[in-house]
Amino acid sequence: MAAEEQFDTCTCFSPDEEKVHRVRAQVKVTEGLGQIFKALGDDNRIKIAYALSREELCVCDVAQIIDSSVAAASHHLRLLKNLGLAKSRKQGKMVYYSLQDACVKAIIEVALEHHRGHCEAE
């Protein structure tokens, strides 16, 4: 066993019951967040969300940007809309999408900063 592998688990099982109780109650606020990250975890959907953080786009524009069919782009956009990450508006025969709010843009920007390695360790 490598030296670093020896430190990634406890060698005995003795949880701090007070901490466990306190933090278990605190983590309940994260329920449902997995769906948002699951949606943004798809390469095409993160590209779409990033593109929508730049400007409003029609379904045809999105299809071209991610190099997919209009049907595939529409599917991704519908999922983002159903999760409350994007919104749409219809203008004649065109449907335009944009991000629902600045929070989604902030999530993407923070993830990009982390990916680029610019976040400082605490």
C-alpha atoms as a PDB file:
ATOM      1  CA  MET A   1       0.000   0.000   0.000  1.00  0.00           C
ATOM      2  CA  ALA A   2       1.383   3.406  -0.987  1.00  0.00           C
ATOM      3  CA  ALA A   3       2.100   5.886   1.810  1.00  0.00           C
ATOM      4  CA  GLU A   4      -0.554   8.376   0.626  1.00  0.00           C
ATOM      5  CA  GLU A   5      -3.223   5.646   0.530  1.00  0.00           C
ATOM      6  CA  GLN A   6      -2.709   4.962   4.236  1.00  0.00           C
ATOM      7  CA  PHE A   7      -4.065   8.411   5.140  1.00  0.00           C
ATOM      8  CA  ASP A   8      -7.332   8.501   3.210  1.00  0.00           C
ATOM      9  CA  THR A   9      -9.427   6.538   5.723  1.00  0.00           C
ATOM     10  CA  CYS A  10      -9.703   6.377   9.506  1.00  0.00           C
ATOM     11  CA  THR A  11      -7.941   3.426  11.073  1.00  0.00           C
ATOM     12  CA  CYS A  12     -10.739   3.078  13.623  1.00  0.00           C
ATOM     13  CA  PHE A  13     -14.443   3.927  13.511  1.00  0.00           C
ATOM     14  CA  SER A  14     -15.257   6.524  16.140  1.00  0.00           C
ATOM     15  CA  PRO A  15     -17.454   9.316  14.734  1.00  0.00           C
ATOM     16  CA  ASP A  16     -17.972  12.518  16.698  1.00  0.00           C
ATOM     17  CA  GLU A  17     -21.721  12.188  17.307  1.00  0.00           C
ATOM     18  CA  GLU A  18     -22.191  15.893  18.087  1.00  0.00           C
ATOM     19  CA  LYS A  19     -20.497  16.959  14.832  1.00  0.00           C
ATOM     20  CA  VAL A  20     -22.353  14.325  12.845  1.00  0.00           C
ATOM     21  CA  HIS A  21     -25.727  15.460  14.213  1.00  0.00           C
ATOM     22  CA  ARG A  22     -24.969  19.166  13.660  1.00  0.00           C
ATOM     23  CA  VAL A  23     -23.549  18.803  10.141  1.00  0.00           C
ATOM     24  CA  ARG A  24     -26.175  16.258   9.049  1.00  0.00           C
ATOM     25  CA  ALA A  25     -28.813  18.908   9.781  1.00  0.00           C
ATOM     26  CA  GLN A  26     -26.798  21.543   7.906  1.00  0.00           C
ATOM     27  CA  VAL A  27     -26.268  19.497   4.738  1.00  0.00           C
ATOM     28  CA  LYS A  28     -30.021  19.120   4.231  1.00  0.00           C
ATOM     29  CA  VAL A  29     -29.978  22.494   2.455  1.00  0.00           C
ATOM     30  CA  THR A  30     -28.100  20.830  -0.432  1.00  0.00           C
ATOM     31  CA  GLU A  31     -30.994  18.512  -1.309  1.00  0.00           C
ATOM     32  CA  GLY A  32     -31.863  18.978  -4.976  1.00  0.00           C
ATOM     33  CA  LEU A  33     -28.540  20.588  -5.930  1.00  0.00           C
ATOM     34  CA  GLY A  34     -27.374  17.372  -7.518  1.00  0.00           C
ATOM     35  CA  GLN A  35     -29.846  17.887 -10.366  1.00  0.00           C
ATOM     36  CA  ILE A  36     -28.320  21.265 -11.192  1.00  0.00           C
ATOM     37  CA  PHE A  37     -24.794  19.893 -11.219  1.00  0.00           C
ATOM     38  CA  LYS A  38     -25.934  16.841 -13.157  1.00  0.00           C
ATOM     39  CA  ALA A  39     -27.402  19.150 -15.798  1.00  0.00           C
ATOM     40  CA  LEU A  40     -24.246  21.251 -15.941  1.00  0.00           C
ATOM     41  CA  GLY A  41     -22.105  18.090 -15.860  1.00  0.00           C
ATOM     42  CA  ASP A  42     -22.930  17.346 -19.496  1.00  0.00           C
ATOM     43  CA  ASP A  43     -20.364  18.873 -21.895  1.00  0.00           C
ATOM     44  CA  ASN A  44     -22.985  20.156 -24.327  1.00  0.00           C
ATOM     45  CA  ARG A  45     -25.189  21.647 -21.609  1.00  0.00           C
ATOM     46  CA  ILE A  46     -22.275  23.458 -19.957  1.00  0.00           C
ATOM     47  CA  LYS A  47     -21.338  24.854 -23.379  1.00  0.00           C
ATOM     48  CA  ILE A  48     -24.935  25.973 -23.846  1.00  0.00           C
ATOM     49  CA  ALA A  49     -25.111  27.560 -20.400  1.00  0.00           C
ATOM     50  CA  TYR A  50     -21.798  29.327 -21.016  1.00  0.00           C
ATOM     51  CA  ALA A  51     -23.024  30.568 -24.408  1.00  0.00           C
ATOM     52  CA  LEU A  52     -26.275  31.776 -22.828  1.00  0.00           C
ATOM     53  CA  SER A  53     -24.227  33.609 -20.199  1.00  0.00           C
ATOM     54  CA  ARG A  54     -22.833  35.665 -23.078  1.00  0.00           C
ATOM     55  CA  GLU A  55     -26.078  36.455 -24.890  1.00  0.00           C
ATOM     56  CA  GLU A  56     -29.588  35.366 -25.737  1.00  0.00           C
ATOM     57  CA  LEU A  57     -29.640  32.709 -28.472  1.00  0.00           C
ATOM     58  CA  CYS A  58     -32.266  30.957 -30.550  1.00  0.00           C
ATOM     59  CA  VAL A  59     -32.422  27.163 -30.691  1.00  0.00           C
ATOM     60  CA  CYS A  60     -30.865  27.187 -34.182  1.00  0.00           C
ATOM     61  CA  ASP A  61     -27.918  29.269 -32.930  1.00  0.00           C
ATOM     62  CA  VAL A  62     -27.362  26.855 -30.046  1.00  0.00           C
ATOM     63  CA  ALA A  63     -27.456  23.856 -32.389  1.00  0.00           C
ATOM     64  CA  GLN A  64     -24.755  25.435 -34.538  1.00  0.00           C
ATOM     65  CA  ILE A  65     -22.626  26.417 -31.536  1.00  0.00           C
ATOM     66  CA  ILE A  66     -22.576  22.894 -30.092  1.00  0.00           C
ATOM     67  CA  ASP A  67     -22.511  21.282 -33.561  1.00  0.00           C
ATOM     68  CA  SER A  68     -25.683  19.264 -33.054  1.00  0.00           C
ATOM     69  CA  SER A  69     -29.140  18.876 -34.507  1.00  0.00           C
ATOM     70  CA  VAL A  70     -31.864  21.355 -33.618  1.00  0.00           C
ATOM     71  CA  ALA A  71     -33.727  18.517 -31.888  1.00  0.00           C
ATOM     72  CA  ALA A  72     -30.722  17.722 -29.655  1.00  0.00           C
ATOM     73  CA  ALA A  73     -30.155  21.385 -28.833  1.00  0.00           C
ATOM     74  CA  SER A  74     -33.856  21.794 -28.055  1.00  0.00           C
ATOM     75  CA  HIS A  75     -33.715  18.786 -25.720  1.00  0.00           C
ATOM     76  CA  HIS A  76     -30.751  20.265 -23.799  1.00  0.00           C
ATOM     77  CA  LEU A  77     -32.410  23.684 -23.607  1.00  0.00           C
ATOM     78  CA  ARG A  78     -35.686  22.196 -22.380  1.00  0.00           C
ATOM     79  CA  LEU A  79     -33.848  20.361 -19.601  1.00  0.00           C
ATOM     80  CA  LEU A  80     -32.051  23.561 -18.543  1.00  0.00           C
ATOM     81  CA  LYS A  81     -35.368  25.408 -18.598  1.00  0.00           C
ATOM     82  CA  ASN A  82     -37.192  22.715 -16.601  1.00  0.00           C
ATOM     83  CA  LEU A  83     -34.508  22.948 -13.900  1.00  0.00           C
ATOM     84  CA  GLY A  84     -34.917  26.722 -13.745  1.00  0.00           C
ATOM     85  CA  LEU A  85     -31.453  27.419 -15.169  1.00  0.00           C
ATOM     86  CA  ALA A  86     -32.669  28.950 -18.438  1.00  0.00           C
ATOM     87  CA  LYS A  87     -35.739  30.782 -19.661  1.00  0.00           C
ATOM     88  CA  SER A  88     -37.258  31.191 -23.098  1.00  0.00           C
ATOM     89  CA  ARG A  89     -39.312  33.669 -25.037  1.00  0.00           C
ATOM     90  CA  LYS A  90     -41.069  33.238 -28.335  1.00  0.00           C
ATOM     91  CA  GLN A  91     -40.840  35.867 -31.045  1.00  0.00           C
ATOM     92  CA  GLY A  92     -42.827  34.885 -34.117  1.00  0.00           C
ATOM     93  CA  LYS A  93     -41.546  31.495 -35.221  1.00  0.00           C
ATOM     94  CA  MET A  94     -38.333  31.802 -33.224  1.00  0.00           C
ATOM     95  CA  VAL A  95     -37.685  30.716 -29.622  1.00  0.00           C
ATOM     96  CA  TYR A  96     -34.889  32.517 -27.799  1.00  0.00           C
ATOM     97  CA  TYR A  97     -33.172  31.294 -24.654  1.00  0.00           C
ATOM     98  CA  SER A  98     -31.195  33.075 -21.969  1.00  0.00           C
ATOM     99  CA  LEU A  99     -30.031  32.239 -18.487  1.00  0.00           C
ATOM    100  CA  GLN A 100     -32.691  32.459 -15.796  1.00  0.00           C
ATOM    101  CA  ASP A 101     -30.530  34.585 -13.504  1.00  0.00           C
ATOM    102  CA  ALA A 102     -26.993  35.687 -12.702  1.00  0.00           C
ATOM    103  CA  CYS A 103     -26.474  32.792 -10.281  1.00  0.00           C
ATOM    104  CA  VAL A 104     -25.963  30.289 -13.098  1.00  0.00           C
ATOM    105  CA  LYS A 105     -23.408  32.596 -14.705  1.00  0.00           C
ATOM    106  CA  ALA A 106     -21.625  32.908 -11.344  1.00  0.00           C
ATOM    107  CA  ILE A 107     -21.503  29.107 -10.939  1.00  0.00           C
ATOM    108  CA  ILE A 108     -19.927  28.780 -14.384  1.00  0.00           C
ATOM    109  CA  GLU A 109     -17.429  31.586 -13.745  1.00  0.00           C
ATOM    110  CA  VAL A 110     -16.329  30.066 -10.414  1.00  0.00           C
ATOM    111  CA  ALA A 111     -15.955  26.638 -12.062  1.00  0.00           C
ATOM    112  CA  LEU A 112     -13.871  28.195 -14.836  1.00  0.00           C
ATOM    113  CA  GLU A 113     -11.643  29.938 -12.307  1.00  0.00           C
ATOM    114  CA  HIS A 114     -11.148  26.643 -10.496  1.00  0.00           C
ATOM    115  CA  HIS A 115     -10.454  24.849 -13.788  1.00  0.00           C
ATOM    116  CA  ARG A 116      -7.857  27.466 -14.730  1.00  0.00           C
ATOM    117  CA  GLY A 117      -6.237  27.029 -11.323  1.00  0.00           C
ATOM    118  CA  HIS A 118      -6.785  30.585 -10.141  1.00  0.00           C
ATOM    119  CA  CYS A 119      -8.655  29.749  -6.959  1.00  0.00           C
ATOM    120  CA  GLU A 120      -6.606  30.064  -3.819  1.00  0.00           C
ATOM    121  CA  ALA A 121      -6.461  27.186  -1.373  1.00  0.00           C
ATOM    122  CA  GLU A 122      -8.037  27.909   1.980  1.00  0.00           C
END
